[in-house]
Amino acid sequence: CGGQSLSRLLRQSRDRPDEPGPLGDEAVRARIARAGLTAFLRMMLIDNLVHGDLHPGNILCSVTPSALLQRPPAVHLSFIDVGLVVELSREDRRNFLALFAAIAQGDGRRAGALMLKRARRSACRDPEA
């Protein structure tokens, strides 16, 4: 997939199951998912950057088959449309990481409480609901 958007590749694999393209290979899908998660976590946790519009249309994917048959293909992802990338302040970073941790742990109640507690404005009359 010579630098195609991930959304296009997903549509191709859904709409043309007889010709799913590179996403037809489970090992390639796993490598793409791992590369995307690694890049996202690095961007957020190490570089302190948040892409404000990250979706499959803003991720370009290229898969290069290995010259050695026993090696999996190389996967390269590029995030585009980075006009909404921001570096978080210390307080915003702390809040964002706390929310991210609650979501990652499947704790929706805590995530909701954090959003209400740290919102600049809230019209919520019953946070326990």
Protein backbone atom coordinates (compact mmCIF):
# COMPACT_ATOMS: atom_id res chain seq x y z
CA CYS A 1 0.00 0.00 0.00
CA GLY A 2 2.25 2.78 -1.26
CA GLY A 3 1.38 5.48 1.24
CA GLN A 4 -2.41 5.20 1.15
CA SER A 5 -4.65 6.53 3.86
CA LEU A 6 -5.64 3.94 6.42
CA SER A 7 -9.31 4.81 5.87
CA ARG A 8 -8.98 3.91 2.18
CA LEU A 9 -7.33 0.59 3.03
CA LEU A 10 -10.04 -0.18 5.57
CA ARG A 11 -12.78 0.58 3.01
CA GLN A 12 -11.04 -1.61 0.44
CA SER A 13 -10.80 -4.56 2.82
CA ARG A 14 -14.48 -4.13 3.80
CA ASP A 15 -15.96 -3.46 0.36
CA ARG A 16 -13.85 -5.89 -1.65
CA PRO A 17 -13.29 -8.96 0.56
CA ASP A 18 -12.07 -10.93 -2.48
CA GLU A 19 -9.30 -8.29 -2.95
CA PRO A 20 -8.69 -6.96 0.57
CA GLY A 21 -5.24 -5.56 -0.21
CA PRO A 22 -2.56 -5.56 2.49
CA LEU A 23 -5.14 -5.61 5.28
CA GLY A 24 -6.19 -9.08 4.18
CA ASP A 25 -3.12 -10.42 5.98
CA GLU A 26 -3.66 -10.74 9.74
CA ALA A 27 0.07 -10.35 10.43
CA VAL A 28 0.11 -7.04 8.51
CA ARG A 29 -2.97 -5.80 10.39
CA ALA A 30 -1.26 -6.65 13.69
CA ARG A 31 1.92 -4.81 12.65
CA ILE A 32 -0.08 -1.76 11.59
CA ALA A 33 -1.99 -1.75 14.89
CA ARG A 34 1.21 -2.13 16.90
CA ALA A 35 3.00 0.61 14.93
CA GLY A 36 0.02 2.97 15.32
CA LEU A 37 -0.31 2.36 19.04
CA THR A 38 3.44 2.74 19.59
CA ALA A 39 3.54 6.02 17.64
CA PHE A 40 0.47 7.37 19.43
CA LEU A 41 1.78 6.50 22.89
CA ARG A 42 5.23 7.89 22.13
CA MET A 43 3.74 11.11 20.79
CA MET A 44 1.53 11.50 23.85
CA LEU A 45 3.60 10.09 26.72
CA ILE A 46 7.17 10.90 25.69
CA ASP A 47 6.95 13.86 23.31
CA ASN A 48 3.97 15.47 25.11
CA LEU A 49 2.17 16.14 21.83
CA VAL A 50 -1.50 15.55 21.09
CA HIS A 51 -2.85 15.35 17.52
CA GLY A 52 -6.24 17.06 17.62
CA ASP A 53 -7.62 15.30 14.52
CA LEU A 54 -6.15 11.80 14.49
CA HIS A 55 -8.35 9.41 12.51
CA PRO A 56 -7.69 6.79 9.79
CA GLY A 57 -7.91 9.43 7.03
CA ASN A 58 -4.97 11.26 8.61
CA ILE A 59 -2.74 8.19 8.83
CA LEU A 60 -0.80 7.18 5.74
CA CYS A 61 0.31 3.58 5.57
CA SER A 62 2.92 1.88 3.45
CA VAL A 63 3.70 -1.83 3.58
CA THR A 64 6.92 -3.07 2.02
CA PRO A 65 7.26 -6.82 1.51
CA SER A 66 10.46 -8.32 2.89
CA ALA A 67 13.04 -9.71 0.49
CA LEU A 68 13.32 -12.67 2.84
CA LEU A 69 10.18 -14.78 2.75
CA GLN A 70 10.31 -15.69 6.43
CA ARG A 71 10.38 -12.04 7.57
CA PRO A 72 7.16 -10.05 7.90
CA PRO A 73 6.64 -6.98 5.73
CA ALA A 74 7.83 -3.61 6.97
CA VAL A 75 5.08 -1.19 7.99
CA HIS A 76 5.51 2.58 7.95
CA LEU A 77 2.88 5.01 9.24
CA SER A 78 2.83 8.77 8.80
CA PHE A 79 0.47 11.09 10.65
CA ILE A 80 -0.66 13.98 8.47
CA ASP A 81 -2.77 17.12 8.89
CA VAL A 82 -0.83 18.12 11.96
CA GLY A 83 -2.16 21.66 12.17
CA LEU A 84 -4.01 20.74 15.35
CA VAL A 85 -1.04 19.24 17.19
CA VAL A 86 -0.49 20.86 20.58
CA GLU A 87 2.00 20.57 23.38
CA LEU A 88 0.23 20.32 26.71
CA SER A 89 0.93 22.51 29.71
CA ARG A 90 2.05 20.70 32.86
CA GLU A 91 -1.47 20.84 34.35
CA ASP A 92 -3.20 19.81 31.10
CA ARG A 93 -0.74 16.94 30.69
CA ARG A 94 -1.46 15.70 34.23
CA ASN A 95 -5.21 15.91 33.59
CA PHE A 96 -4.92 14.23 30.19
CA LEU A 97 -2.81 11.36 31.53
CA ALA A 98 -5.23 10.79 34.44
CA LEU A 99 -8.15 10.65 31.99
CA PHE A 100 -6.21 8.39 29.62
CA ALA A 101 -5.36 6.02 32.48
CA ALA A 102 -9.01 5.83 33.58
CA ILE A 103 -10.12 5.05 30.02
CA ALA A 104 -7.32 2.52 29.48
CA GLN A 105 -8.32 0.76 32.70
CA GLY A 106 -11.97 0.66 31.62
CA ASP A 107 -13.05 2.89 34.49
CA GLY A 108 -15.77 4.97 32.84
CA ARG A 109 -17.09 6.32 36.13
CA ARG A 110 -13.67 7.73 37.03
CA ALA A 111 -13.18 9.10 33.51
CA GLY A 112 -16.53 10.89 33.71
CA ALA A 113 -15.77 12.24 37.17
CA LEU A 114 -12.41 13.56 35.99
CA MET A 115 -13.98 15.32 33.02
CA LEU A 116 -16.62 16.94 35.20
CA LYS A 117 -14.17 17.92 37.91
CA ARG A 118 -11.67 19.49 35.54
CA ALA A 119 -14.05 21.08 33.03
CA ARG A 120 -13.85 24.84 32.82
CA ARG A 121 -17.66 24.94 32.79
CA SER A 122 -20.24 22.31 33.53
CA ALA A 123 -24.01 22.38 33.72
CA CYS A 124 -24.15 18.89 35.23
CA ARG A 125 -26.49 18.98 38.23
CA ASP A 126 -26.06 15.34 39.27
CA PRO A 127 -22.51 14.04 38.72
CA GLU A 128 -23.39 10.73 40.38
CA ALA A 129 -26.06 9.90 37.77
